[in-house]
Amino acid sequence: MSMDLPKPIADYVAANARLDIDGMVKPFQPDAVFIDNGKNFEGQAAIRQLFEDEVIPVKAIFTPDTAWEEGDDFVVEGPAHGDFPGSPLRFTYRFKLANGAIKTLETTV
């Protein structure tokens, strides 16, 4: 990936490419919220469970190809490939950062 992403986002994307669940959780604040198509997962434990249940089993890897800032948000788009119906699917990831970590991540297809 040749995009210049903020460090917590770049760390998350790199860990996802390795399907490294610890690395995927690490950039999130302890009380972060991950909103996956309208469903909220609050805190690192819930986010870890989401990754264990939904990402790792289907080897879903997000490969961003577009990024921009929109107000307080950092928006990243790109395809996710994996062993799931419709792969690859194009996702939009909307990040809010605070104190060098991911505060909120909202994903939509």
Protein backbone atom coordinates (compact mmCIF):
# COMPACT_ATOMS: atom_id res chain seq x y z
CA MET A 1 0.00 0.00 0.00
CA SER A 2 1.49 3.34 -1.01
CA MET A 3 -1.01 5.62 0.76
CA ASP A 4 0.06 7.87 3.60
CA LEU A 5 -2.31 6.75 6.35
CA PRO A 6 -2.20 7.90 9.97
CA LYS A 7 -0.17 5.42 12.04
CA PRO A 8 -3.06 3.72 13.90
CA ILE A 9 -4.90 3.14 10.62
CA ALA A 10 -1.76 1.94 8.84
CA ASP A 11 -1.02 -0.41 11.76
CA TYR A 12 -4.56 -1.82 11.65
CA VAL A 13 -4.45 -2.35 7.86
CA ALA A 14 -1.00 -4.00 8.04
CA ALA A 15 -2.10 -6.34 10.85
CA ASN A 16 -5.26 -7.22 8.92
CA ALA A 17 -3.15 -8.11 5.87
CA ARG A 18 -1.33 -10.64 8.12
CA LEU A 19 -4.60 -11.73 9.79
CA ASP A 20 -2.84 -10.83 13.07
CA ILE A 21 -5.70 -10.41 15.54
CA ASP A 22 -3.52 -8.92 18.31
CA GLY A 23 -2.10 -6.40 15.88
CA MET A 24 -5.58 -5.56 14.60
CA VAL A 25 -6.88 -4.81 18.11
CA LYS A 26 -3.81 -2.91 19.36
CA PRO A 27 -4.46 0.41 17.49
CA PHE A 28 -7.90 0.77 19.12
CA GLN A 29 -8.48 2.72 22.33
CA PRO A 30 -9.62 0.49 25.22
CA ASP A 31 -13.15 1.99 24.97
CA ALA A 32 -13.25 2.22 21.17
CA VAL A 33 -16.40 1.53 19.19
CA PHE A 34 -16.43 -0.52 15.98
CA ILE A 35 -19.65 -0.07 14.01
CA ASP A 36 -20.02 -2.89 11.50
CA ASN A 37 -22.91 -2.17 9.10
CA GLY A 38 -24.92 -0.55 11.90
CA LYS A 39 -24.07 -2.99 14.72
CA ASN A 40 -21.95 -1.59 17.57
CA PHE A 41 -19.05 -3.44 19.21
CA GLU A 42 -17.85 -1.46 22.23
CA GLY A 43 -14.41 -1.93 23.78
CA GLN A 44 -11.37 -3.94 22.74
CA ALA A 45 -12.81 -7.26 23.99
CA ALA A 46 -15.94 -6.91 21.84
CA ILE A 47 -13.87 -5.78 18.86
CA ARG A 48 -11.53 -8.78 19.31
CA GLN A 49 -14.57 -11.08 19.39
CA LEU A 50 -15.87 -9.53 16.16
CA PHE A 51 -12.52 -10.19 14.48
CA GLU A 52 -12.40 -13.76 15.84
CA ASP A 53 -15.96 -14.48 14.67
CA GLU A 54 -16.21 -12.55 11.40
CA VAL A 55 -12.77 -11.69 9.98
CA ILE A 56 -10.34 -14.48 10.76
CA PRO A 57 -12.58 -17.46 9.80
CA VAL A 58 -13.18 -16.07 6.30
CA LYS A 59 -9.68 -14.60 5.92
CA ALA A 60 -11.14 -11.15 5.16
CA ILE A 61 -8.36 -8.78 4.15
CA PHE A 62 -9.11 -5.11 3.44
CA THR A 63 -6.87 -3.44 0.85
CA PRO A 64 -7.44 0.32 0.82
CA ASP A 65 -7.01 2.14 -2.47
CA THR A 66 -8.48 5.57 -1.66
CA ALA A 67 -8.27 7.78 1.44
CA TRP A 68 -9.25 11.31 2.41
CA GLU A 69 -10.04 13.48 5.39
CA GLU A 70 -13.64 14.56 5.91
CA GLY A 71 -14.08 16.85 8.90
CA ASP A 72 -12.84 14.94 11.96
CA ASP A 73 -13.02 11.62 10.09
CA PHE A 74 -10.41 9.81 8.04
CA VAL A 75 -12.21 7.84 5.32
CA VAL A 76 -10.60 4.86 3.60
CA GLU A 77 -12.14 2.81 0.79
CA GLY A 78 -11.12 -0.36 -0.96
CA PRO A 79 -11.91 -3.99 -1.59
CA ALA A 80 -11.95 -6.75 0.98
CA HIS A 81 -11.04 -10.21 -0.28
CA GLY A 82 -11.68 -13.47 1.50
CA ASP A 83 -13.61 -16.71 1.66
CA PHE A 84 -17.05 -15.08 1.84
CA PRO A 85 -19.94 -14.68 -0.63
CA GLY A 86 -19.44 -11.86 -3.12
CA SER A 87 -15.71 -11.53 -2.50
CA PRO A 88 -14.26 -9.10 -3.21
CA LEU A 89 -16.62 -6.50 -1.75
CA ARG A 90 -15.86 -2.80 -1.70
CA PHE A 91 -15.92 -1.28 1.80
CA THR A 92 -15.81 2.21 3.23
CA TYR A 93 -14.02 2.54 6.58
CA ARG A 94 -14.67 5.77 8.49
CA PHE A 95 -12.16 6.30 11.30
CA LYS A 96 -12.17 8.78 14.18
CA LEU A 97 -8.79 9.06 15.90
CA ALA A 98 -7.93 10.39 19.36
CA ASN A 99 -4.69 10.39 21.33
CA GLY A 100 -2.84 8.40 18.66
CA ALA A 101 -5.39 5.57 18.56
CA ILE A 102 -8.62 4.57 16.83
CA LYS A 103 -11.60 5.91 18.78
CA THR A 104 -14.32 4.85 16.33
CA LEU A 105 -14.36 2.77 13.16
CA GLU A 106 -17.52 2.49 11.08
CA THR A 107 -17.56 0.07 8.14
CA THR A 108 -20.14 -0.03 5.36
CA VAL A 109 -20.41 -1.92 2.09
